[in-house]
Protein backbone atom coordinates (compact mmCIF):
# COMPACT_ATOMS: atom_id res chain seq x y z
CA MET A 1 -47.46 84.38 12.87
CA THR A 2 -45.60 86.03 15.72
CA GLN A 3 -43.94 89.26 14.69
CA LYS A 4 -40.93 90.50 16.60
CA ARG A 5 -41.50 94.04 17.81
CA LYS A 6 -39.04 96.59 16.45
CA ARG A 7 -37.49 98.28 19.46
CA GLN A 8 -36.77 101.98 19.63
CA LEU A 9 -33.02 102.68 19.30
CA LEU A 10 -31.04 105.73 20.43
CA ILE A 11 -27.33 106.57 20.12
CA GLY A 12 -25.54 108.44 22.88
CA GLU A 13 -22.41 108.90 24.97
CA VAL A 14 -21.83 107.24 28.35
CA VAL A 15 -21.37 109.98 30.95
CA SER A 16 -21.40 107.95 34.19
CA THR A 17 -20.63 104.34 35.14
CA LYS A 18 -20.68 104.74 38.93
CA MET A 19 -23.73 102.51 39.49
CA GLU A 20 -23.86 98.72 39.44
CA LYS A 21 -25.42 97.29 36.25
CA THR A 22 -26.49 100.79 35.18
CA VAL A 23 -24.92 103.54 33.08
CA ASN A 24 -26.02 107.09 32.38
CA VAL A 25 -26.22 107.82 28.62
CA ARG A 26 -26.51 111.34 27.18
CA VAL A 27 -28.39 111.50 23.88
CA THR A 28 -27.83 114.62 21.75
CA ARG A 29 -30.25 115.85 19.11
CA GLN A 30 -30.17 118.93 16.93
CA ILE A 31 -33.29 120.96 16.26
CA ALA A 32 -33.86 124.15 14.30
CA HIS A 33 -34.64 127.20 16.45
CA PRO A 34 -38.28 128.11 15.80
CA LEU A 35 -37.59 131.78 15.06
CA TYR A 36 -33.97 132.02 13.90
CA HIS A 37 -33.65 128.57 12.25
CA LYS A 38 -30.15 128.04 13.64
CA ARG A 39 -29.34 124.44 14.63
CA VAL A 40 -29.44 124.12 18.44
CA LYS A 41 -28.26 121.10 20.46
CA ARG A 42 -30.62 119.54 22.98
CA PHE A 43 -29.56 116.85 25.48
CA LYS A 44 -31.38 114.19 27.46
CA ASN A 45 -29.95 111.66 29.90
CA TYR A 46 -31.20 108.07 30.08
CA LEU A 47 -30.42 105.36 32.63
CA ALA A 48 -29.54 102.17 30.75
CA HIS A 49 -29.12 98.63 32.01
CA VAL A 50 -25.85 96.75 31.34
CA GLU A 51 -24.93 93.13 32.06
CA SER A 52 -22.62 91.45 29.55
CA ILE A 53 -21.42 94.64 27.79
CA LYS A 54 -19.23 96.83 30.00
CA PRO A 55 -18.92 100.36 28.54
CA SER A 56 -16.66 102.98 30.09
CA ASP A 57 -17.02 106.75 30.33
CA GLY A 58 -16.92 108.47 26.94
CA ASP A 59 -17.96 105.43 24.87
CA ILE A 60 -20.55 105.91 22.13
CA VAL A 61 -23.28 103.26 22.60
CA THR A 62 -26.61 102.19 21.16
CA ILE A 63 -29.45 101.78 23.67
CA SER A 64 -32.74 100.00 23.00
CA SER A 65 -36.04 100.22 24.82
CA ILE A 66 -37.10 97.45 27.22
CA ARG A 67 -39.88 96.96 29.71
CA PRO A 68 -39.47 99.11 32.85
CA MET A 69 -36.88 97.73 35.29
CA SER A 70 -37.20 100.49 37.87
CA LYS A 71 -38.61 103.99 38.24
CA ARG A 72 -36.24 105.57 35.69
CA LYS A 73 -34.58 102.61 33.93
CA ARG A 74 -36.33 101.68 30.65
CA TRP A 75 -33.34 101.22 28.32
CA GLN A 76 -30.56 98.71 27.87
CA VAL A 77 -27.15 99.03 26.21
CA SER A 78 -27.24 96.87 23.09
CA LYS A 79 -23.75 97.52 21.67
CA ILE A 80 -20.71 99.76 21.87
CA LEU A 81 -20.22 101.68 18.62
CA ARG A 82 -16.95 103.42 19.50
CA LYS A 83 -14.62 103.16 22.48
CA ALA A 84 -13.42 106.34 24.22
CA LYS A 85 -9.91 107.52 23.45
CA LYS A 86 -7.62 107.84 26.47
CA ILE A 87 -5.12 110.68 26.17
CA GLY A 88 -2.07 110.70 28.41
């Protein structure tokens, strides 16, 4: 009877963890240039809510849509796909 709604998922890189319970995630997508047809990268930053999962800068994460928590926060980190590599 009750169907669970399939949430929208995005994959991106954590660029900032300076806020409490919030991270800034940069999502990259590649589109073809309308005239020259070369692949061009486009970026968008999303504020994502975190509670139990604690990602650090540079981690690749999956974010899923949730109901609005604040003016700009409408996503939540669902899992960490790859941890960032620390060099040196």
